[in-house]
Amino acid sequence: VTSEDVKLLYDYVGKGHGMLTEEVIDAIKFVAETEGILLDPVYTGKAMAGLIDLVKQGRFGKRENVVFIHTGGLPAIFAYKNEF
């Protein structure tokens, strides 16, 4: 993987650091229910919400491989217990 292979998207940051959106909440719940993986609301939840949106937009072909790297941050979910 080279730097040319990596594309940063800032479209899914929302209103700011640590601020939830409905899409992030939905993504976290969806991945927890379907895959048994807990995402944090600050980083990986937003990244997954973005990935889900890109898939819905058809940005990936049916034969393309997509890798999502869960970088941690799980304990942060407990700070948002009322939202979940």
C-alpha atoms as a PDB file:
ATOM      1  CA  VAL A   1       0.000   0.000   0.000  1.00  0.00           C
ATOM      2  CA  THR A   2       1.398   3.380  -0.962  1.00  0.00           C
ATOM      3  CA  SER A   3       0.290   6.873  -0.002  1.00  0.00           C
ATOM      4  CA  GLU A   4      -1.373   7.145  -3.424  1.00  0.00           C
ATOM      5  CA  ASP A   5      -3.602   4.204  -2.460  1.00  0.00           C
ATOM      6  CA  VAL A   6      -4.980   6.033   0.577  1.00  0.00           C
ATOM      7  CA  LYS A   7      -7.763   8.577   0.261  1.00  0.00           C
ATOM      8  CA  LEU A   8      -8.892  10.586   3.265  1.00  0.00           C
ATOM      9  CA  LEU A   9     -12.521  11.658   3.427  1.00  0.00           C
ATOM     10  CA  TYR A  10     -13.622  14.315   5.867  1.00  0.00           C
ATOM     11  CA  ASP A  11     -17.282  14.101   4.873  1.00  0.00           C
ATOM     12  CA  TYR A  12     -18.255  11.978   7.866  1.00  0.00           C
ATOM     13  CA  VAL A  13     -16.841  13.964  10.780  1.00  0.00           C
ATOM     14  CA  GLY A  14     -20.236  15.413  11.604  1.00  0.00           C
ATOM     15  CA  LYS A  15     -20.519  18.417  13.899  1.00  0.00           C
ATOM     16  CA  GLY A  16     -17.195  17.703  15.560  1.00  0.00           C
ATOM     17  CA  HIS A  17     -15.020  15.438  17.639  1.00  0.00           C
ATOM     18  CA  GLY A  18     -17.047  13.157  19.891  1.00  0.00           C
ATOM     19  CA  MET A  19     -20.390  14.486  18.668  1.00  0.00           C
ATOM     20  CA  LEU A  20     -22.726  11.709  17.579  1.00  0.00           C
ATOM     21  CA  THR A  21     -24.975  11.641  14.554  1.00  0.00           C
ATOM     22  CA  GLU A  22     -27.898   9.315  13.911  1.00  0.00           C
ATOM     23  CA  GLU A  23     -25.828   7.642  11.190  1.00  0.00           C
ATOM     24  CA  VAL A  24     -23.047   6.855  13.669  1.00  0.00           C
ATOM     25  CA  ILE A  25     -25.483   5.444  16.219  1.00  0.00           C
ATOM     26  CA  ASP A  26     -27.145   3.340  13.514  1.00  0.00           C
ATOM     27  CA  ALA A  27     -23.777   2.068  12.246  1.00  0.00           C
ATOM     28  CA  ILE A  28     -22.598   1.089  15.729  1.00  0.00           C
ATOM     29  CA  LYS A  29     -25.843  -0.748  16.454  1.00  0.00           C
ATOM     30  CA  PHE A  30     -25.841  -2.447  13.030  1.00  0.00           C
ATOM     31  CA  VAL A  31     -22.278  -3.763  13.345  1.00  0.00           C
ATOM     32  CA  ALA A  32     -22.866  -4.883  16.946  1.00  0.00           C
ATOM     33  CA  GLU A  33     -26.037  -6.751  15.983  1.00  0.00           C
ATOM     34  CA  THR A  34     -24.787  -8.315  12.747  1.00  0.00           C
ATOM     35  CA  GLU A  35     -21.098  -8.930  13.480  1.00  0.00           C
ATOM     36  CA  GLY A  36     -20.767  -8.845  17.271  1.00  0.00           C
ATOM     37  CA  ILE A  37     -18.172  -6.076  16.985  1.00  0.00           C
ATOM     38  CA  LEU A  38     -18.353  -2.994  19.193  1.00  0.00           C
ATOM     39  CA  LEU A  39     -17.207   0.269  17.635  1.00  0.00           C
ATOM     40  CA  ASP A  40     -16.475   3.461  19.496  1.00  0.00           C
ATOM     41  CA  PRO A  41     -18.597   6.568  18.841  1.00  0.00           C
ATOM     42  CA  VAL A  42     -15.666   8.928  18.266  1.00  0.00           C
ATOM     43  CA  TYR A  43     -13.561   7.260  15.566  1.00  0.00           C
ATOM     44  CA  THR A  44     -14.478   3.777  14.353  1.00  0.00           C
ATOM     45  CA  GLY A  45     -18.222   4.443  14.567  1.00  0.00           C
ATOM     46  CA  LYS A  46     -17.866   7.470  12.303  1.00  0.00           C
ATOM     47  CA  ALA A  47     -15.577   5.569   9.959  1.00  0.00           C
ATOM     48  CA  MET A  48     -18.086   2.708   9.697  1.00  0.00           C
ATOM     49  CA  ALA A  49     -20.966   5.127   9.122  1.00  0.00           C
ATOM     50  CA  GLY A  50     -18.921   6.570   6.266  1.00  0.00           C
ATOM     51  CA  LEU A  51     -18.143   3.135   4.845  1.00  0.00           C
ATOM     52  CA  ILE A  52     -21.804   2.121   4.972  1.00  0.00           C
ATOM     53  CA  ASP A  53     -22.745   5.328   3.155  1.00  0.00           C
ATOM     54  CA  LEU A  54     -20.099   4.748   0.477  1.00  0.00           C
ATOM     55  CA  VAL A  55     -21.418   1.206  -0.066  1.00  0.00           C
ATOM     56  CA  LYS A  56     -24.977   2.559  -0.397  1.00  0.00           C
ATOM     57  CA  GLN A  57     -23.698   5.070  -2.969  1.00  0.00           C
ATOM     58  CA  GLY A  58     -22.283   2.199  -5.020  1.00  0.00           C
ATOM     59  CA  ARG A  59     -18.688   3.413  -4.682  1.00  0.00           C
ATOM     60  CA  PHE A  60     -17.382  -0.177  -4.623  1.00  0.00           C
ATOM     61  CA  GLY A  61     -17.817  -2.865  -7.233  1.00  0.00           C
ATOM     62  CA  LYS A  62     -19.244  -6.262  -6.310  1.00  0.00           C
ATOM     63  CA  ARG A  63     -15.847  -7.876  -6.844  1.00  0.00           C
ATOM     64  CA  GLU A  64     -13.845  -5.245  -4.956  1.00  0.00           C
ATOM     65  CA  ASN A  65     -12.390  -6.045  -1.568  1.00  0.00           C
ATOM     66  CA  VAL A  66     -12.894  -3.550   1.224  1.00  0.00           C
ATOM     67  CA  VAL A  67     -10.897  -3.750   4.437  1.00  0.00           C
ATOM     68  CA  PHE A  68     -12.073  -1.957   7.579  1.00  0.00           C
ATOM     69  CA  ILE A  69      -9.405  -1.689  10.247  1.00  0.00           C
ATOM     70  CA  HIS A  70     -10.821  -1.442  13.764  1.00  0.00           C
ATOM     71  CA  THR A  71      -8.268   0.684  15.587  1.00  0.00           C
ATOM     72  CA  GLY A  72      -9.709   0.357  19.064  1.00  0.00           C
ATOM     73  CA  GLY A  73     -11.272   2.975  21.277  1.00  0.00           C
ATOM     74  CA  LEU A  74     -13.905   0.591  22.589  1.00  0.00           C
ATOM     75  CA  PRO A  75     -13.999   2.020  26.146  1.00  0.00           C
ATOM     76  CA  ALA A  76     -15.245   5.320  24.720  1.00  0.00           C
ATOM     77  CA  ILE A  77     -18.624   3.689  24.030  1.00  0.00           C
ATOM     78  CA  PHE A  78     -19.359   3.633  27.750  1.00  0.00           C
ATOM     79  CA  ALA A  79     -19.261   7.433  27.893  1.00  0.00           C
ATOM     80  CA  TYR A  80     -22.279   7.403  25.549  1.00  0.00           C
ATOM     81  CA  LYS A  81     -24.402   4.848  27.422  1.00  0.00           C
ATOM     82  CA  ASN A  82     -27.533   7.004  27.283  1.00  0.00           C
ATOM     83  CA  GLU A  83     -27.387   7.170  23.480  1.00  0.00           C
ATOM     84  CA  PHE A  84     -27.317   3.378  23.231  1.00  0.00           C
END
